[in-house]
């Protein structure tokens, strides 16, 4: 589980807005979209599920489950590349079957498959963002 410390600055219907400090781990985090940079500085605001009943001004530890985080990362980075390669291979075979330039068909079908994969990732990502397992949660009050 990835953890980070912060201060609760706002409470909203079972969620808490937590102010944290950016670390080097933030650059590669798949959950960046749930964080809001405050003016591009070192401070960030993260909306976390308030499972511990934290109150405004309390120092807390928020955590991200690594399983769902790895799943989201795979879907975001690897799936489009794999689908692109499958599309390129399929396009090359179709070009040979239909007596067309295999390179052009490979590029066209590969990018077509890639575009479809990006659309799929976007739709699936929006659905995943609504699930609690993909959101950070307050795991401890300090």
C-alpha atoms as a PDB file:
ATOM      1  CA  UNK A   1       0.000   0.000   0.000  1.00  0.00           C
ATOM      2  CA  UNK A   2       1.317   3.421  -0.960  1.00  0.00           C
ATOM      3  CA  UNK A   3       0.851   5.967   1.823  1.00  0.00           C
ATOM      4  CA  UNK A   4       1.187   9.704   2.228  1.00  0.00           C
ATOM      5  CA  UNK A   5       0.695  12.115   5.145  1.00  0.00           C
ATOM      6  CA  UNK A   6      -1.405  15.251   5.014  1.00  0.00           C
ATOM      7  CA  UNK A   7      -3.780  17.625   6.793  1.00  0.00           C
ATOM      8  CA  UNK A   8      -7.561  17.532   6.385  1.00  0.00           C
ATOM      9  CA  UNK A   9      -8.757  20.892   5.069  1.00  0.00           C
ATOM     10  CA  UNK A  10     -12.366  20.113   4.160  1.00  0.00           C
ATOM     11  CA  UNK A  11     -15.027  17.443   4.776  1.00  0.00           C
ATOM     12  CA  UNK A  12     -17.662  16.580   2.133  1.00  0.00           C
ATOM     13  CA  UNK A  13     -20.233  13.758   2.474  1.00  0.00           C
ATOM     14  CA  UNK A  14     -17.952  10.933   3.615  1.00  0.00           C
ATOM     15  CA  UNK A  15     -14.896  12.279   1.802  1.00  0.00           C
ATOM     16  CA  UNK A  16     -12.133  14.535   3.031  1.00  0.00           C
ATOM     17  CA  UNK A  17      -9.960  16.950   1.111  1.00  0.00           C
ATOM     18  CA  UNK A  18      -6.405  16.378   2.328  1.00  0.00           C
ATOM     19  CA  UNK A  19      -3.508  18.776   1.699  1.00  0.00           C
ATOM     20  CA  UNK A  20      -0.271  16.883   1.087  1.00  0.00           C
ATOM     21  CA  UNK A  21       3.201  17.696  -0.164  1.00  0.00           C
ATOM     22  CA  UNK A  22       4.243  16.483  -3.616  1.00  0.00           C
ATOM     23  CA  UNK A  23       6.948  13.846  -3.641  1.00  0.00           C
ATOM     24  CA  UNK A  24       8.975  12.347  -6.470  1.00  0.00           C
ATOM     25  CA  UNK A  25       6.532   9.399  -6.482  1.00  0.00           C
ATOM     26  CA  UNK A  26       3.773  11.738  -7.698  1.00  0.00           C
ATOM     27  CA  UNK A  27       5.309  11.999 -11.167  1.00  0.00           C
ATOM     28  CA  UNK A  28       4.676   8.350 -11.999  1.00  0.00           C
ATOM     29  CA  UNK A  29       1.448   7.853 -10.066  1.00  0.00           C
ATOM     30  CA  UNK A  30      -1.548   6.552 -11.979  1.00  0.00           C
ATOM     31  CA  UNK A  31      -3.907   8.281  -9.551  1.00  0.00           C
ATOM     32  CA  UNK A  32      -2.707  11.781 -10.451  1.00  0.00           C
ATOM     33  CA  UNK A  33      -6.097  12.635 -11.898  1.00  0.00           C
ATOM     34  CA  UNK A  34      -7.662  12.473  -8.426  1.00  0.00           C
ATOM     35  CA  UNK A  35      -5.095  14.976  -7.104  1.00  0.00           C
ATOM     36  CA  UNK A  36      -5.184  18.700  -7.756  1.00  0.00           C
ATOM     37  CA  UNK A  37      -1.944  20.631  -7.865  1.00  0.00           C
ATOM     38  CA  UNK A  38      -2.223  23.937  -6.058  1.00  0.00           C
ATOM     39  CA  UNK A  39      -0.656  26.453  -8.402  1.00  0.00           C
ATOM     40  CA  UNK A  40       2.030  24.039  -9.567  1.00  0.00           C
ATOM     41  CA  UNK A  41       3.852  24.209  -6.237  1.00  0.00           C
ATOM     42  CA  UNK A  42       4.820  21.461  -3.824  1.00  0.00           C
ATOM     43  CA  UNK A  43       1.419  21.252  -2.150  1.00  0.00           C
ATOM     44  CA  UNK A  44      -1.451  19.154  -3.489  1.00  0.00           C
ATOM     45  CA  UNK A  45      -5.044  18.436  -2.554  1.00  0.00           C
ATOM     46  CA  UNK A  46      -6.248  14.841  -2.608  1.00  0.00           C
ATOM     47  CA  UNK A  47      -9.847  13.775  -2.151  1.00  0.00           C
ATOM     48  CA  UNK A  48      -9.835  10.702   0.078  1.00  0.00           C
ATOM     49  CA  UNK A  49     -12.560   8.509   1.539  1.00  0.00           C
ATOM     50  CA  UNK A  50     -12.892   9.455   5.203  1.00  0.00           C
ATOM     51  CA  UNK A  51     -13.130   5.972   6.768  1.00  0.00           C
ATOM     52  CA  UNK A  52     -11.639   7.091  10.094  1.00  0.00           C
ATOM     53  CA  UNK A  53     -13.954  10.042  10.711  1.00  0.00           C
ATOM     54  CA  UNK A  54     -11.160  12.608  10.525  1.00  0.00           C
ATOM     55  CA  UNK A  55     -11.979  16.244  11.230  1.00  0.00           C
ATOM     56  CA  UNK A  56     -10.689  19.470   9.710  1.00  0.00           C
ATOM     57  CA  UNK A  57      -7.147  20.297  10.872  1.00  0.00           C
ATOM     58  CA  UNK A  58      -6.152  16.745  11.817  1.00  0.00           C
ATOM     59  CA  UNK A  59      -2.989  15.151  10.459  1.00  0.00           C
ATOM     60  CA  UNK A  60      -3.827  11.922   8.639  1.00  0.00           C
ATOM     61  CA  UNK A  61      -2.221   9.149   6.616  1.00  0.00           C
ATOM     62  CA  UNK A  62      -3.909   8.364   3.312  1.00  0.00           C
ATOM     63  CA  UNK A  63      -3.325   5.123   1.452  1.00  0.00           C
ATOM     64  CA  UNK A  64      -3.726   3.716  -2.033  1.00  0.00           C
ATOM     65  CA  UNK A  65      -4.179  -0.028  -2.519  1.00  0.00           C
ATOM     66  CA  UNK A  66      -1.473  -1.340  -4.847  1.00  0.00           C
ATOM     67  CA  UNK A  67      -3.619  -4.012  -6.551  1.00  0.00           C
ATOM     68  CA  UNK A  68      -6.139  -1.646  -8.144  1.00  0.00           C
ATOM     69  CA  UNK A  69      -3.321   0.835  -8.776  1.00  0.00           C
ATOM     70  CA  UNK A  70      -1.369  -1.771 -10.785  1.00  0.00           C
ATOM     71  CA  UNK A  71      -4.507  -2.770 -12.686  1.00  0.00           C
ATOM     72  CA  UNK A  72      -5.201   0.844 -13.641  1.00  0.00           C
ATOM     73  CA  UNK A  73      -1.559   1.382 -14.625  1.00  0.00           C
ATOM     74  CA  UNK A  74      -1.571  -1.709 -16.856  1.00  0.00           C
ATOM     75  CA  UNK A  75      -4.779  -0.613 -18.527  1.00  0.00           C
ATOM     76  CA  UNK A  76      -3.486   2.916 -19.060  1.00  0.00           C
ATOM     77  CA  UNK A  77      -0.027   2.088 -20.415  1.00  0.00           C
ATOM     78  CA  UNK A  78       0.170  -1.503 -21.639  1.00  0.00           C
ATOM     79  CA  UNK A  79      -3.265  -2.227 -23.107  1.00  0.00           C
ATOM     80  CA  UNK A  80      -3.076   0.415 -25.880  1.00  0.00           C
ATOM     81  CA  UNK A  81       0.404  -0.788 -26.915  1.00  0.00           C
ATOM     82  CA  UNK A  82      -0.657  -4.433 -27.014  1.00  0.00           C
ATOM     83  CA  UNK A  83      -3.770  -3.555 -29.042  1.00  0.00           C
ATOM     84  CA  UNK A  84      -1.631  -1.427 -31.409  1.00  0.00           C
ATOM     85  CA  UNK A  85       0.658  -4.396 -32.062  1.00  0.00           C
ATOM     86  CA  UNK A  86      -2.285  -6.738 -32.630  1.00  0.00           C
ATOM     87  CA  UNK A  87      -3.784  -4.200 -35.051  1.00  0.00           C
ATOM     88  CA  UNK A  88      -0.502  -3.803 -36.933  1.00  0.00           C
ATOM     89  CA  UNK A  89      -0.121  -7.578 -37.275  1.00  0.00           C
ATOM     90  CA  UNK A  90      -3.760  -7.924 -38.394  1.00  0.00           C
ATOM     91  CA  UNK A  91      -3.368  -5.084 -40.905  1.00  0.00           C
ATOM     92  CA  UNK A  92      -0.288  -6.691 -42.398  1.00  0.00           C
ATOM     93  CA  UNK A  93      -2.131 -10.005 -42.859  1.00  0.00           C
ATOM     94  CA  UNK A  94      -5.166  -8.238 -44.352  1.00  0.00           C
ATOM     95  CA  UNK A  95      -2.900  -6.378 -46.781  1.00  0.00           C
ATOM     96  CA  UNK A  96      -1.458  -9.672 -48.015  1.00  0.00           C
ATOM     97  CA  UNK A  97      -4.897 -11.295 -48.288  1.00  0.00           C
ATOM     98  CA  UNK A  98      -6.486  -8.391 -50.222  1.00  0.00           C
ATOM     99  CA  UNK A  99      -3.409  -7.660 -52.347  1.00  0.00           C
ATOM    100  CA  UNK A 100      -2.775  -4.227 -50.774  1.00  0.00           C
ATOM    101  CA  UNK A 101       0.442  -2.682 -49.490  1.00  0.00           C
ATOM    102  CA  UNK A 102       1.058  -4.575 -46.206  1.00  0.00           C
ATOM    103  CA  UNK A 103       2.923  -1.643 -44.622  1.00  0.00           C
ATOM    104  CA  UNK A 104       0.137   0.845 -45.268  1.00  0.00           C
ATOM    105  CA  UNK A 105      -2.528  -1.605 -44.075  1.00  0.00           C
ATOM    106  CA  UNK A 106      -0.442  -2.416 -41.011  1.00  0.00           C
ATOM    107  CA  UNK A 107      -0.108   1.258 -40.075  1.00  0.00           C
ATOM    108  CA  UNK A 108      -3.766   2.072 -40.775  1.00  0.00           C
ATOM    109  CA  UNK A 109      -5.256  -0.879 -38.884  1.00  0.00           C
ATOM    110  CA  UNK A 110      -2.705  -0.528 -36.064  1.00  0.00           C
ATOM    111  CA  UNK A 111      -3.639   3.113 -35.455  1.00  0.00           C
ATOM    112  CA  UNK A 112      -7.331   2.278 -35.825  1.00  0.00           C
ATOM    113  CA  UNK A 113      -7.021  -0.395 -33.122  1.00  0.00           C
ATOM    114  CA  UNK A 114      -4.929   1.987 -30.999  1.00  0.00           C
ATOM    115  CA  UNK A 115      -7.623   4.688 -31.252  1.00  0.00           C
ATOM    116  CA  UNK A 116     -10.296   2.203 -30.237  1.00  0.00           C
ATOM    117  CA  UNK A 117      -8.144   1.111 -27.273  1.00  0.00           C
ATOM    118  CA  UNK A 118      -7.692   4.725 -26.136  1.00  0.00           C
ATOM    119  CA  UNK A 119     -11.449   5.269 -26.337  1.00  0.00           C
ATOM    120  CA  UNK A 120     -12.001   2.064 -24.338  1.00  0.00           C
ATOM    121  CA  UNK A 121      -9.444   3.120 -21.707  1.00  0.00           C
ATOM    122  CA  UNK A 122     -11.110   6.515 -21.359  1.00  0.00           C
ATOM    123  CA  UNK A 123     -14.602   5.039 -20.920  1.00  0.00           C
ATOM    124  CA  UNK A 124     -13.406   2.286 -18.579  1.00  0.00           C
ATOM    125  CA  UNK A 125     -11.264   4.770 -16.625  1.00  0.00           C
ATOM    126  CA  UNK A 126     -14.262   7.016 -16.006  1.00  0.00           C
ATOM    127  CA  UNK A 127     -16.212   4.022 -14.675  1.00  0.00           C
ATOM    128  CA  UNK A 128     -13.275   2.898 -12.517  1.00  0.00           C
ATOM    129  CA  UNK A 129     -12.872   6.398 -11.049  1.00  0.00           C
ATOM    130  CA  UNK A 130     -16.355   6.119  -9.536  1.00  0.00           C
ATOM    131  CA  UNK A 131     -15.476   2.929  -7.635  1.00  0.00           C
ATOM    132  CA  UNK A 132     -14.172   3.263  -4.086  1.00  0.00           C
ATOM    133  CA  UNK A 133     -11.393   0.698  -4.615  1.00  0.00           C
ATOM    134  CA  UNK A 134      -9.618   3.131  -6.964  1.00  0.00           C
ATOM    135  CA  UNK A 135      -9.776   6.069  -4.566  1.00  0.00           C
ATOM    136  CA  UNK A 136      -7.355   6.886  -1.767  1.00  0.00           C
ATOM    137  CA  UNK A 137      -8.683   6.506   1.762  1.00  0.00           C
ATOM    138  CA  UNK A 138      -7.722   7.828   5.173  1.00  0.00           C
ATOM    139  CA  UNK A 139      -6.172   4.890   7.026  1.00  0.00           C
ATOM    140  CA  UNK A 140      -4.920   6.576  10.191  1.00  0.00           C
ATOM    141  CA  UNK A 141      -5.222   9.793  12.193  1.00  0.00           C
ATOM    142  CA  UNK A 142      -1.882  10.980  13.563  1.00  0.00           C
END
